[in-house]
Amino acid sequence: MKAEIREERYDDRQISFIDRLNAVLAREYDIDHIFAFDRDFSTLGLARVPAKIHFPE
């Protein structure tokens, strides 16, 4: 498995290394959905399960 983790910025905020690593692994294994409460995964192009989570701002 040859995966590349790049330092990128999305929406003027930095995505953590762990979130980027999980996104790379999800793409390597053709995973489209991830169980997470972190909005960063949506930014990285993965569908979160559960999808509708309301966080206070």
PDB file of N, CA and C in Angstrom:
ATOM      1  N   MET A   1       0.852  -1.166   0.000  1.00  0.00           N
ATOM      2  CA  MET A   1       0.000   0.000   0.000  1.00  0.00           C
ATOM      3  C   MET A   1       0.899   1.230   0.000  1.00  0.00           C
ATOM      4  N   LYS A   2       0.678   2.092  -0.966  1.00  0.00           N
ATOM      5  CA  LYS A   2       1.450   3.324  -1.047  1.00  0.00           C
ATOM      6  C   LYS A   2       0.472   4.486  -0.957  1.00  0.00           C
ATOM      7  N   ALA A   3       0.424   5.113   0.174  1.00  0.00           N
ATOM      8  CA  ALA A   3      -0.499   6.224   0.404  1.00  0.00           C
ATOM      9  C   ALA A   3       0.305   7.474   0.702  1.00  0.00           C
ATOM     10  N   GLU A   4      -0.210   8.571   0.257  1.00  0.00           N
ATOM     11  CA  GLU A   4       0.462   9.851   0.477  1.00  0.00           C
ATOM     12  C   GLU A   4      -0.425  10.739   1.330  1.00  0.00           C
ATOM     13  N   ILE A   5       0.147  11.285   2.381  1.00  0.00           N
ATOM     14  CA  ILE A   5      -0.572  12.211   3.250  1.00  0.00           C
ATOM     15  C   ILE A   5       0.054  13.581   3.054  1.00  0.00           C
ATOM     16  N   ARG A   6      -0.720  14.496   2.535  1.00  0.00           N
ATOM     17  CA  ARG A   6      -0.222  15.839   2.250  1.00  0.00           C
ATOM     18  C   ARG A   6      -0.784  16.829   3.256  1.00  0.00           C
ATOM     19  N   GLU A   7       0.006  17.831   3.538  1.00  0.00           N
ATOM     20  CA  GLU A   7      -0.446  18.922   4.404  1.00  0.00           C
ATOM     21  C   GLU A   7      -1.283  19.866   3.558  1.00  0.00           C
ATOM     22  N   GLU A   8      -2.581  19.907   3.804  1.00  0.00           N
ATOM     23  CA  GLU A   8      -3.477  20.770   3.047  1.00  0.00           C
ATOM     24  C   GLU A   8      -4.363  21.539   4.006  1.00  0.00           C
ATOM     25  N   ARG A   9      -4.890  22.622   3.527  1.00  0.00           N
ATOM     26  CA  ARG A   9      -5.827  23.415   4.315  1.00  0.00           C
ATOM     27  C   ARG A   9      -7.186  23.391   3.620  1.00  0.00           C
ATOM     28  N   TYR A  10      -8.219  23.283   4.396  1.00  0.00           N
ATOM     29  CA  TYR A  10      -9.583  23.292   3.906  1.00  0.00           C
ATOM     30  C   TYR A  10     -10.363  24.323   4.714  1.00  0.00           C
ATOM     31  N   ASP A  11     -11.110  25.164   4.014  1.00  0.00           N
ATOM     32  CA  ASP A  11     -11.969  26.148   4.683  1.00  0.00           C
ATOM     33  C   ASP A  11     -11.204  26.969   5.717  1.00  0.00           C
ATOM     34  N   ASP A  12      -9.992  27.332   5.404  1.00  0.00           N
ATOM     35  CA  ASP A  12      -9.159  28.163   6.286  1.00  0.00           C
ATOM     36  C   ASP A  12      -8.897  27.526   7.651  1.00  0.00           C
ATOM     37  N   ARG A  13      -8.888  26.216   7.719  1.00  0.00           N
ATOM     38  CA  ARG A  13      -8.523  25.542   8.965  1.00  0.00           C
ATOM     39  C   ARG A  13      -7.694  24.317   8.640  1.00  0.00           C
ATOM     40  N   GLN A  14      -6.878  23.944   9.553  1.00  0.00           N
ATOM     41  CA  GLN A  14      -5.985  22.817   9.327  1.00  0.00           C
ATOM     42  C   GLN A  14      -6.647  21.529   9.804  1.00  0.00           C
ATOM     43  N   ILE A  15      -6.583  20.509   8.965  1.00  0.00           N
ATOM     44  CA  ILE A  15      -7.120  19.194   9.289  1.00  0.00           C
ATOM     45  C   ILE A  15      -6.018  18.417  10.018  1.00  0.00           C
ATOM     46  N   SER A  16      -6.382  17.717  11.081  1.00  0.00           N
ATOM     47  CA  SER A  16      -5.375  17.004  11.873  1.00  0.00           C
ATOM     48  C   SER A  16      -4.760  15.849  11.085  1.00  0.00           C
ATOM     49  N   PHE A  17      -3.578  15.463  11.494  1.00  0.00           N
ATOM     50  CA  PHE A  17      -2.876  14.352  10.851  1.00  0.00           C
ATOM     51  C   PHE A  17      -3.696  13.073  10.934  1.00  0.00           C
ATOM     52  N   ILE A  18      -4.301  12.808  12.076  1.00  0.00           N
ATOM     53  CA  ILE A  18      -5.090  11.581  12.261  1.00  0.00           C
ATOM     54  C   ILE A  18      -6.301  11.572  11.320  1.00  0.00           C
ATOM     55  N   ASP A  19      -6.985  12.697  11.180  1.00  0.00           N
ATOM     56  CA  ASP A  19      -8.124  12.765  10.263  1.00  0.00           C
ATOM     57  C   ASP A  19      -7.680  12.543   8.826  1.00  0.00           C
ATOM     58  N   ARG A  20      -6.567  13.129   8.441  1.00  0.00           N
ATOM     59  CA  ARG A  20      -6.058  12.937   7.084  1.00  0.00           C
ATOM     60  C   ARG A  20      -5.625  11.491   6.866  1.00  0.00           C
ATOM     61  N   LEU A  21      -4.984  10.905   7.864  1.00  0.00           N
ATOM     62  CA  LEU A  21      -4.571   9.496   7.764  1.00  0.00           C
ATOM     63  C   LEU A  21      -5.787   8.592   7.583  1.00  0.00           C
ATOM     64  N   ASN A  22      -6.821   8.814   8.372  1.00  0.00           N
ATOM     65  CA  ASN A  22      -8.044   8.013   8.238  1.00  0.00           C
ATOM     66  C   ASN A  22      -8.682   8.188   6.870  1.00  0.00           C
ATOM     67  N   ALA A  23      -8.662   9.403   6.329  1.00  0.00           N
ATOM     68  CA  ALA A  23      -9.227   9.642   4.997  1.00  0.00           C
ATOM     69  C   ALA A  23      -8.421   8.916   3.924  1.00  0.00           C
ATOM     70  N   VAL A  24      -7.106   8.925   4.038  1.00  0.00           N
ATOM     71  CA  VAL A  24      -6.256   8.217   3.080  1.00  0.00           C
ATOM     72  C   VAL A  24      -6.531   6.716   3.142  1.00  0.00           C
ATOM     73  N   LEU A  25      -6.613   6.167   4.345  1.00  0.00           N
ATOM     74  CA  LEU A  25      -6.891   4.734   4.488  1.00  0.00           C
ATOM     75  C   LEU A  25      -8.275   4.377   3.970  1.00  0.00           C
ATOM     76  N   ALA A  26      -9.250   5.248   4.212  1.00  0.00           N
ATOM     77  CA  ALA A  26     -10.603   4.998   3.702  1.00  0.00           C
ATOM     78  C   ALA A  26     -10.589   4.947   2.178  1.00  0.00           C
ATOM     79  N   ARG A  27      -9.856   5.850   1.542  1.00  0.00           N
ATOM     80  CA  ARG A  27      -9.776   5.826   0.071  1.00  0.00           C
ATOM     81  C   ARG A  27      -9.040   4.583  -0.419  1.00  0.00           C
ATOM     82  N   GLU A  28      -7.989   4.175   0.277  1.00  0.00           N
ATOM     83  CA  GLU A  28      -7.229   2.980  -0.112  1.00  0.00           C
ATOM     84  C   GLU A  28      -8.106   1.725  -0.093  1.00  0.00           C
ATOM     85  N   TYR A  29      -9.026   1.661   0.866  1.00  0.00           N
ATOM     86  CA  TYR A  29      -9.883   0.492   1.023  1.00  0.00           C
ATOM     87  C   TYR A  29     -11.296   0.709   0.479  1.00  0.00           C
ATOM     88  N   ASP A  30     -11.468   1.737  -0.357  1.00  0.00           N
ATOM     89  CA  ASP A  30     -12.764   2.042  -0.995  1.00  0.00           C
ATOM     90  C   ASP A  30     -13.897   2.187   0.009  1.00  0.00           C
ATOM     91  N   ILE A  31     -13.635   2.878   1.095  1.00  0.00           N
ATOM     92  CA  ILE A  31     -14.638   3.145   2.124  1.00  0.00           C
ATOM     93  C   ILE A  31     -15.218   4.534   1.871  1.00  0.00           C
ATOM     94  N   ASP A  32     -16.545   4.615   1.763  1.00  0.00           N
ATOM     95  CA  ASP A  32     -17.217   5.887   1.482  1.00  0.00           C
ATOM     96  C   ASP A  32     -17.803   6.533   2.724  1.00  0.00           C
ATOM     97  N   HIS A  33     -18.120   5.724   3.733  1.00  0.00           N
ATOM     98  CA  HIS A  33     -18.772   6.215   4.946  1.00  0.00           C
ATOM     99  C   HIS A  33     -17.875   5.962   6.150  1.00  0.00           C
ATOM    100  N   ILE A  34     -17.933   6.875   7.095  1.00  0.00           N
ATOM    101  CA  ILE A  34     -17.122   6.733   8.303  1.00  0.00           C
ATOM    102  C   ILE A  34     -17.961   7.129   9.510  1.00  0.00           C
ATOM    103  N   PHE A  35     -17.865   6.357  10.579  1.00  0.00           N
ATOM    104  CA  PHE A  35     -18.555   6.704  11.815  1.00  0.00           C
ATOM    105  C   PHE A  35     -17.715   7.730  12.543  1.00  0.00           C
ATOM    106  N   ALA A  36     -18.206   8.953  12.566  1.00  0.00           N
ATOM    107  CA  ALA A  36     -17.440  10.038  13.188  1.00  0.00           C
ATOM    108  C   ALA A  36     -18.361  11.195  13.521  1.00  0.00           C
ATOM    109  N   PHE A  37     -17.977  11.939  14.527  1.00  0.00           N
ATOM    110  CA  PHE A  37     -18.697  13.150  14.881  1.00  0.00           C
ATOM    111  C   PHE A  37     -17.939  14.389  14.421  1.00  0.00           C
ATOM    112  N   ASP A  38     -16.785  14.182  13.851  1.00  0.00           N
ATOM    113  CA  ASP A  38     -15.893  15.252  13.423  1.00  0.00           C
ATOM    114  C   ASP A  38     -16.279  15.735  12.027  1.00  0.00           C
ATOM    115  N   ARG A  39     -16.526  17.030  11.883  1.00  0.00           N
ATOM    116  CA  ARG A  39     -16.915  17.595  10.585  1.00  0.00           C
ATOM    117  C   ARG A  39     -15.794  17.530   9.555  1.00  0.00           C
ATOM    118  N   ASP A  40     -14.573  17.351   9.998  1.00  0.00           N
ATOM    119  CA  ASP A  40     -13.447  17.327   9.069  1.00  0.00           C
ATOM    120  C   ASP A  40     -13.580  16.208   8.042  1.00  0.00           C
ATOM    121  N   PHE A  41     -14.210  15.115   8.391  1.00  0.00           N
ATOM    122  CA  PHE A  41     -14.347  14.012   7.452  1.00  0.00           C
ATOM    123  C   PHE A  41     -15.270  14.378   6.294  1.00  0.00           C
ATOM    124  N   SER A  42     -16.284  15.184   6.555  1.00  0.00           N
ATOM    125  CA  SER A  42     -17.131  15.683   5.466  1.00  0.00           C
ATOM    126  C   SER A  42     -16.324  16.587   4.549  1.00  0.00           C
ATOM    127  N   THR A  43     -15.482  17.417   5.134  1.00  0.00           N
ATOM    128  CA  THR A  43     -14.614  18.289   4.359  1.00  0.00           C
ATOM    129  C   THR A  43     -13.670  17.476   3.475  1.00  0.00           C
ATOM    130  N   LEU A  44     -13.234  16.332   3.979  1.00  0.00           N
ATOM    131  CA  LEU A  44     -12.314  15.461   3.235  1.00  0.00           C
ATOM    132  C   LEU A  44     -13.032  14.571   2.221  1.00  0.00           C
ATOM    133  N   GLY A  45     -14.349  14.701   2.115  1.00  0.00           N
ATOM    134  CA  GLY A  45     -15.092  13.980   1.087  1.00  0.00           C
ATOM    135  C   GLY A  45     -15.690  12.661   1.509  1.00  0.00           C
ATOM    136  N   LEU A  46     -15.708  12.373   2.797  1.00  0.00           N
ATOM    137  CA  LEU A  46     -16.322  11.139   3.287  1.00  0.00           C
ATOM    138  C   LEU A  46     -17.699  11.440   3.872  1.00  0.00           C
ATOM    139  N   ALA A  47     -18.615  10.509   3.719  1.00  0.00           N
ATOM    140  CA  ALA A  47     -19.939  10.643   4.317  1.00  0.00           C
ATOM    141  C   ALA A  47     -19.864  10.182   5.768  1.00  0.00           C
ATOM    142  N   ARG A  48     -20.359  11.023   6.682  1.00  0.00           N
ATOM    143  CA  ARG A  48     -20.337  10.665   8.101  1.00  0.00           C
ATOM    144  C   ARG A  48     -21.593   9.911   8.483  1.00  0.00           C
ATOM    145  N   VAL A  49     -21.440   8.963   9.368  1.00  0.00           N
ATOM    146  CA  VAL A  49     -22.561   8.226   9.935  1.00  0.00           C
ATOM    147  C   VAL A  49     -22.489   8.402  11.435  1.00  0.00           C
ATOM    148  N   PRO A  50     -23.460   8.874  12.114  1.00  0.00           N
ATOM    149  CA  PRO A  50     -24.731   9.403  11.639  1.00  0.00           C
ATOM    150  C   PRO A  50     -24.522  10.757  10.948  1.00  0.00           C
ATOM    151  N   ALA A  51     -25.334  11.003   9.919  1.00  0.00           N
ATOM    152  CA  ALA A  51     -25.133  12.180   9.075  1.00  0.00           C
ATOM    153  C   ALA A  51     -25.631  13.479   9.708  1.00  0.00           C
ATOM    154  N   LYS A  52     -26.732  13.414  10.407  1.00  0.00           N
ATOM    155  CA  LYS A  52     -27.322  14.651  10.944  1.00  0.00           C
ATOM    156  C   LYS A  52     -27.012  14.797  12.425  1.00  0.00           C
ATOM    157  N   ILE A  53     -25.962  15.528  12.689  1.00  0.00           N
ATOM    158  CA  ILE A  53     -25.554  15.800  14.065  1.00  0.00           C
ATOM    159  C   ILE A  53     -25.521  17.311  14.227  1.00  0.00           C
ATOM    160  N   HIS A  54     -26.193  17.809  15.237  1.00  0.00           N
ATOM    161  CA  HIS A  54     -26.237  19.245  15.463  1.00  0.00           C
ATOM    162  C   HIS A  54     -25.363  19.601  16.640  1.00  0.00           C
ATOM    163  N   PHE A  55     -24.364  20.408  16.372  1.00  0.00           N
ATOM    164  CA  PHE A  55     -23.465  20.869  17.414  1.00  0.00           C
ATOM    165  C   PHE A  55     -23.785  22.308  17.743  1.00  0.00           C
ATOM    166  N   PRO A  56     -23.754  22.676  19.006  1.00  0.00           N
ATOM    167  CA  PRO A  56     -23.935  24.086  19.322  1.00  0.00           C
ATOM    168  C   PRO A  56     -22.738  24.880  18.809  1.00  0.00           C
ATOM    169  N   GLU A  57     -23.008  26.018  18.277  1.00  0.00           N
ATOM    170  CA  GLU A  57     -21.932  26.869  17.741  1.00  0.00           C
ATOM    171  C   GLU A  57     -21.264  27.656  18.827  1.00  0.00           C
TER     172      GLU A  57
END
